[in-house]
Amino acid sequence: QVQLVESGGGLVQPGGSLRLSCVASGFTFSRYTMRWYCQAPGKERELVASISSTGDTATYQDSVKGRFTISRDNAKNTVYLQMNSLKPEDTAVYYCNWRYLGTHYWGQGTQVTVSS
């Protein structure tokens, strides 16, 4: 079965950095685009970044451009989200996502809290 397991969240001060990881299993990871979403309290889940199957193409939500970097290691079935210059408004639960034939698969999420 499909499993997406995120890690790397935590409490960080404004301006700090975190690196999120998501280990995937149950499908051929290297064939598919992968995505990171976030959901802040009281808000809808929204797309943060996506990366093509080969890692050649990445796209970002405007609010994180220049601060976040998505990457992947197909040998390790892992997708990453490097988060720099974090702001309080980045506080959210971050989810790894795989989409297949219209079905979304999600991990359990990892909490990121940016606060002094």
Protein backbone atom coordinates (compact mmCIF):
# COMPACT_ATOMS: atom_id res chain seq x y z
CA GLN A 1 0.00 0.00 0.00
CA VAL A 2 1.02 3.59 -0.52
CA GLN A 3 2.81 5.21 2.39
CA LEU A 4 4.15 8.73 2.69
CA VAL A 5 6.04 9.47 5.90
CA GLU A 6 7.06 13.04 6.63
CA SER A 7 9.61 14.20 9.17
CA GLY A 8 11.70 17.23 10.02
CA GLY A 9 9.16 19.68 11.38
CA GLY A 10 9.55 21.55 14.63
CA LEU A 11 9.68 24.91 16.36
CA VAL A 12 12.01 27.48 14.83
CA GLN A 13 12.56 31.19 15.28
CA PRO A 14 11.75 33.65 12.51
CA GLY A 15 14.58 33.68 10.00
CA GLY A 16 15.50 30.11 10.78
CA SER A 17 15.60 27.02 8.61
CA LEU A 18 14.13 23.54 8.54
CA ARG A 19 14.45 20.64 6.15
CA LEU A 20 11.42 18.42 5.71
CA SER A 21 11.70 14.89 4.34
CA CYS A 22 9.10 12.51 2.96
CA VAL A 23 9.87 8.86 2.36
CA ALA A 24 7.51 7.20 -0.10
CA SER A 25 6.69 3.54 -0.63
CA GLY A 26 4.10 1.42 -2.42
CA PHE A 27 4.53 2.94 -5.87
CA THR A 28 7.27 3.65 -8.39
CA PHE A 29 8.43 6.92 -6.92
CA SER A 30 10.78 7.88 -9.73
CA ARG A 31 7.97 8.03 -12.28
CA TYR A 32 5.86 10.72 -10.65
CA THR A 33 5.68 14.37 -9.75
CA MET A 34 5.68 14.91 -6.01
CA ARG A 35 4.25 17.80 -4.06
CA TRP A 36 4.32 19.51 -0.69
CA TYR A 37 1.19 21.13 0.68
CA CYS A 38 0.60 23.06 3.88
CA GLN A 39 -2.44 23.72 6.02
CA ALA A 40 -2.54 26.51 8.56
CA PRO A 41 -5.13 26.59 11.35
CA GLY A 42 -8.52 27.57 9.98
CA LYS A 43 -7.34 27.56 6.39
CA GLU A 44 -7.61 25.20 3.47
CA ARG A 45 -4.74 22.98 2.46
CA GLU A 46 -2.67 24.67 -0.24
CA LEU A 47 0.08 23.68 -2.63
CA VAL A 48 3.53 24.89 -1.62
CA ALA A 49 5.82 23.29 -4.17
CA SER A 50 6.02 20.52 -6.74
CA ILE A 51 8.86 18.69 -8.45
CA SER A 52 8.88 16.65 -11.64
CA SER A 53 9.73 12.96 -11.69
CA THR A 54 13.33 13.59 -12.72
CA GLY A 55 13.78 16.62 -10.50
CA ASP A 56 14.42 18.87 -13.47
CA THR A 57 11.42 21.11 -12.94
CA ALA A 58 10.16 22.65 -9.72
CA THR A 59 7.34 25.09 -9.13
CA TYR A 60 6.54 27.16 -6.06
CA GLN A 61 3.77 29.13 -4.47
CA ASP A 62 4.60 32.82 -4.82
CA SER A 63 4.90 33.34 -1.08
CA VAL A 64 7.79 30.86 -0.77
CA LYS A 65 9.75 31.60 -3.93
CA GLY A 66 13.37 32.31 -3.13
CA ARG A 67 13.04 30.87 0.38
CA PHE A 68 12.00 27.24 -0.10
CA THR A 69 13.60 24.60 -2.30
CA ILE A 70 12.03 21.28 -3.22
CA SER A 71 14.29 18.41 -4.23
CA ARG A 72 14.21 14.64 -4.49
CA ASP A 73 16.43 11.59 -4.34
CA ASN A 74 14.89 8.86 -6.46
CA ALA A 75 17.39 6.30 -5.18
CA LYS A 76 16.02 6.87 -1.67
CA ASN A 77 12.36 7.39 -2.65
CA THR A 78 12.52 10.67 -0.78
CA VAL A 79 11.36 14.20 -1.47
CA TYR A 80 12.64 17.16 0.53
CA LEU A 81 11.58 20.68 1.30
CA GLN A 82 14.35 23.01 2.41
CA MET A 83 12.77 25.96 4.16
CA ASN A 84 14.91 29.05 4.76
CA SER A 85 14.15 32.53 6.07
CA LEU A 86 11.08 31.17 7.79
CA LYS A 87 8.30 33.56 8.75
CA PRO A 88 5.52 33.24 11.34
CA GLU A 89 3.04 32.96 8.48
CA ASP A 90 4.77 29.74 7.37
CA THR A 91 3.38 28.06 10.49
CA ALA A 92 1.32 25.09 9.33
CA VAL A 93 1.18 21.35 9.05
CA TYR A 94 3.15 20.31 5.98
CA TYR A 95 2.05 17.30 3.95
CA CYS A 96 3.73 15.25 1.29
CA ASN A 97 1.43 14.41 -1.64
CA TRP A 98 1.26 11.97 -4.50
CA ARG A 99 -1.52 12.16 -7.02
CA TYR A 100 -2.49 9.19 -9.17
CA LEU A 101 -5.47 9.00 -11.53
CA GLY A 102 -7.19 11.78 -9.66
CA THR A 103 -6.66 10.27 -6.22
CA HIS A 104 -4.59 12.15 -3.66
CA TYR A 105 -2.41 10.27 -1.26
CA TRP A 106 -1.20 12.07 1.87
CA GLY A 107 1.25 11.54 4.64
CA GLN A 108 0.39 12.18 8.27
CA GLY A 109 1.91 15.64 8.12
CA THR A 110 4.65 17.35 10.08
CA GLN A 111 4.07 20.48 12.15
CA VAL A 112 6.17 23.56 11.44
CA THR A 113 5.88 26.39 13.96
CA VAL A 114 7.73 29.66 13.41
CA SER A 115 7.73 31.76 16.54
CA SER A 116 10.05 33.73 18.76
